[in-house]
N, C-alpha and C. Protein backbone atom coordinates (compact mmCIF):
# COMPACT_ATOMS: atom_id res chain seq x y z
N UNK A 1 -14.41 32.28 -1.89
CA UNK A 1 -13.06 32.37 -1.42
C UNK A 1 -12.18 31.51 -2.31
N UNK A 2 -10.92 31.87 -2.35
CA UNK A 2 -10.00 31.18 -3.25
C UNK A 2 -8.78 30.74 -2.46
N UNK A 3 -8.33 29.51 -2.76
CA UNK A 3 -7.15 28.94 -2.11
C UNK A 3 -6.11 28.60 -3.16
N UNK A 4 -4.84 28.89 -2.86
CA UNK A 4 -3.73 28.46 -3.70
C UNK A 4 -3.21 27.15 -3.13
N UNK A 5 -3.11 26.13 -3.98
CA UNK A 5 -2.53 24.85 -3.60
C UNK A 5 -1.06 24.92 -3.99
N UNK A 6 -0.17 24.62 -3.05
CA UNK A 6 1.25 24.83 -3.28
C UNK A 6 1.96 23.67 -3.96
N UNK A 7 1.24 22.62 -4.31
CA UNK A 7 1.83 21.55 -5.08
C UNK A 7 1.02 21.35 -6.36
N UNK A 8 1.64 20.68 -7.32
CA UNK A 8 0.99 20.44 -8.61
C UNK A 8 -0.18 19.48 -8.44
N UNK A 9 -1.31 19.83 -9.03
CA UNK A 9 -2.51 19.01 -8.95
C UNK A 9 -2.66 18.13 -10.18
N UNK A 10 -3.30 16.97 -9.98
CA UNK A 10 -3.66 16.13 -11.12
C UNK A 10 -5.12 15.69 -10.97
N UNK A 11 -5.61 14.89 -11.89
CA UNK A 11 -7.02 14.50 -11.90
C UNK A 11 -7.49 13.86 -10.59
N UNK A 12 -6.65 13.08 -9.97
CA UNK A 12 -7.03 12.41 -8.74
C UNK A 12 -7.24 13.35 -7.57
N UNK A 13 -6.68 14.53 -7.66
CA UNK A 13 -6.81 15.50 -6.57
C UNK A 13 -8.17 16.16 -6.50
N UNK A 14 -8.87 16.23 -7.60
CA UNK A 14 -10.15 16.95 -7.64
C UNK A 14 -11.15 16.34 -6.66
N UNK A 15 -11.30 15.04 -6.70
CA UNK A 15 -12.24 14.36 -5.79
C UNK A 15 -11.78 14.48 -4.33
N UNK A 16 -10.50 14.31 -4.11
CA UNK A 16 -9.94 14.40 -2.76
C UNK A 16 -10.18 15.79 -2.15
N UNK A 17 -9.96 16.82 -2.94
CA UNK A 17 -10.17 18.20 -2.49
C UNK A 17 -11.66 18.46 -2.25
N UNK A 18 -12.49 18.00 -3.17
CA UNK A 18 -13.94 18.19 -3.01
C UNK A 18 -14.45 17.54 -1.73
N UNK A 19 -14.00 16.32 -1.46
CA UNK A 19 -14.42 15.63 -0.24
C UNK A 19 -13.96 16.37 1.00
N UNK A 20 -12.76 16.93 0.97
CA UNK A 20 -12.26 17.68 2.12
C UNK A 20 -13.12 18.91 2.39
N UNK A 21 -13.45 19.63 1.33
CA UNK A 21 -14.28 20.84 1.48
C UNK A 21 -15.68 20.48 1.97
N UNK A 22 -16.27 19.46 1.38
CA UNK A 22 -17.62 19.04 1.75
C UNK A 22 -17.67 18.52 3.19
N UNK A 23 -16.55 18.00 3.69
CA UNK A 23 -16.52 17.54 5.08
C UNK A 23 -16.68 18.70 6.06
N UNK A 24 -16.32 19.89 5.62
CA UNK A 24 -16.46 21.08 6.45
C UNK A 24 -17.83 21.73 6.25
N UNK A 25 -18.24 21.85 4.99
CA UNK A 25 -19.54 22.45 4.66
C UNK A 25 -20.19 21.63 3.56
N UNK A 26 -21.15 20.78 3.92
CA UNK A 26 -21.80 19.92 2.92
C UNK A 26 -22.50 20.69 1.80
N UNK A 27 -22.81 21.97 2.01
CA UNK A 27 -23.49 22.77 1.00
C UNK A 27 -22.53 23.60 0.14
N UNK A 28 -21.25 23.49 0.38
CA UNK A 28 -20.26 24.30 -0.35
C UNK A 28 -20.20 23.87 -1.82
N UNK A 29 -19.89 24.84 -2.66
CA UNK A 29 -19.64 24.58 -4.08
C UNK A 29 -18.13 24.70 -4.28
N UNK A 30 -17.56 23.71 -4.97
CA UNK A 30 -16.11 23.61 -5.12
C UNK A 30 -15.76 23.61 -6.60
N UNK A 31 -14.78 24.43 -6.97
CA UNK A 31 -14.27 24.45 -8.34
C UNK A 31 -12.75 24.43 -8.28
N UNK A 32 -12.15 23.35 -8.78
CA UNK A 32 -10.70 23.20 -8.75
C UNK A 32 -10.13 23.50 -10.12
N UNK A 33 -9.14 24.38 -10.18
CA UNK A 33 -8.47 24.73 -11.43
C UNK A 33 -7.07 24.12 -11.39
N UNK A 34 -6.88 23.01 -12.11
CA UNK A 34 -5.60 22.31 -12.09
C UNK A 34 -4.49 23.11 -12.75
N UNK A 35 -4.80 23.90 -13.73
CA UNK A 35 -3.77 24.70 -14.41
C UNK A 35 -3.20 25.78 -13.50
N UNK A 36 -4.06 26.37 -12.70
CA UNK A 36 -3.65 27.46 -11.81
C UNK A 36 -3.31 26.97 -10.40
N UNK A 37 -3.60 25.68 -10.13
CA UNK A 37 -3.42 25.12 -8.77
C UNK A 37 -4.21 25.92 -7.74
N UNK A 38 -5.46 26.19 -8.07
CA UNK A 38 -6.33 26.93 -7.16
C UNK A 38 -7.64 26.19 -6.94
N UNK A 39 -8.26 26.51 -5.83
CA UNK A 39 -9.58 25.96 -5.50
C UNK A 39 -10.47 27.13 -5.10
N UNK A 40 -11.61 27.26 -5.77
CA UNK A 40 -12.61 28.26 -5.40
C UNK A 40 -13.71 27.56 -4.64
N UNK A 41 -14.07 28.14 -3.50
CA UNK A 41 -15.11 27.56 -2.66
C UNK A 41 -16.17 28.62 -2.39
N UNK A 42 -17.41 28.26 -2.66
CA UNK A 42 -18.53 29.13 -2.30
C UNK A 42 -19.15 28.56 -1.04
N UNK A 43 -19.02 29.31 0.05
CA UNK A 43 -19.54 28.88 1.34
C UNK A 43 -19.72 30.09 2.23
N UNK A 44 -20.59 29.94 3.22
CA UNK A 44 -20.82 31.02 4.18
C UNK A 44 -19.80 30.96 5.32
N UNK A 45 -18.98 29.91 5.37
CA UNK A 45 -17.98 29.75 6.42
C UNK A 45 -16.75 30.61 6.14
N UNK A 46 -15.92 30.78 7.15
CA UNK A 46 -14.66 31.50 7.00
C UNK A 46 -13.62 30.63 6.30
N UNK A 47 -12.74 31.22 5.51
CA UNK A 47 -11.71 30.44 4.81
C UNK A 47 -10.85 29.61 5.76
N UNK A 48 -10.56 30.14 6.92
CA UNK A 48 -9.71 29.43 7.88
C UNK A 48 -10.30 28.09 8.30
N UNK A 49 -11.60 27.97 8.24
CA UNK A 49 -12.25 26.72 8.62
C UNK A 49 -11.94 25.59 7.64
N UNK A 50 -11.59 25.93 6.42
CA UNK A 50 -11.26 24.92 5.42
C UNK A 50 -9.79 24.53 5.44
N UNK A 51 -8.94 25.37 6.00
CA UNK A 51 -7.50 25.09 6.01
C UNK A 51 -7.19 23.75 6.67
N UNK A 52 -7.80 23.47 7.79
CA UNK A 52 -7.55 22.21 8.49
C UNK A 52 -7.92 21.03 7.61
N UNK A 53 -9.03 21.11 6.93
CA UNK A 53 -9.46 20.01 6.05
C UNK A 53 -8.45 19.78 4.93
N UNK A 54 -7.93 20.84 4.35
CA UNK A 54 -6.91 20.70 3.30
C UNK A 54 -5.66 20.04 3.86
N UNK A 55 -5.20 20.51 5.01
CA UNK A 55 -3.99 19.96 5.61
C UNK A 55 -4.17 18.49 5.98
N UNK A 56 -5.35 18.12 6.46
CA UNK A 56 -5.61 16.74 6.88
C UNK A 56 -5.54 15.75 5.72
N UNK A 57 -5.84 16.21 4.51
CA UNK A 57 -5.76 15.33 3.35
C UNK A 57 -4.46 15.52 2.56
N UNK A 58 -3.51 16.27 3.15
CA UNK A 58 -2.17 16.33 2.59
C UNK A 58 -1.83 17.49 1.67
N UNK A 59 -2.60 18.57 1.72
CA UNK A 59 -2.31 19.70 0.84
C UNK A 59 -1.82 20.90 1.64
N UNK A 60 -0.79 21.54 1.11
CA UNK A 60 -0.30 22.78 1.69
C UNK A 60 -0.98 23.90 0.91
N UNK A 61 -1.81 24.69 1.58
CA UNK A 61 -2.59 25.71 0.90
C UNK A 61 -2.43 27.06 1.58
N UNK A 62 -2.77 28.09 0.83
CA UNK A 62 -2.80 29.46 1.34
C UNK A 62 -4.11 30.10 0.89
N UNK A 63 -4.64 30.97 1.71
CA UNK A 63 -5.83 31.71 1.33
C UNK A 63 -5.41 32.79 0.35
N UNK A 64 -5.94 32.74 -0.87
CA UNK A 64 -5.58 33.71 -1.91
C UNK A 64 -6.57 34.87 -1.95
N UNK A 65 -7.83 34.58 -1.63
CA UNK A 65 -8.87 35.60 -1.70
C UNK A 65 -10.01 35.20 -0.79
N UNK A 66 -10.49 36.16 -0.03
CA UNK A 66 -11.59 35.88 0.90
C UNK A 66 -12.92 36.10 0.25
């Protein structure tokens, strides 16, 4: 699944985003693209389950691809 991050990302955001995703699914694989402001997550969970984690750490996100 793919998420669009609605603010500009920098190096410090990668760890913060990864921790948020892992807090929902410890087995998830996370790939953050700072140029595109997107996060790809490989997980068996629904994308909506990750939205709360993103919001809790301060990111406004949208589901770009399921």
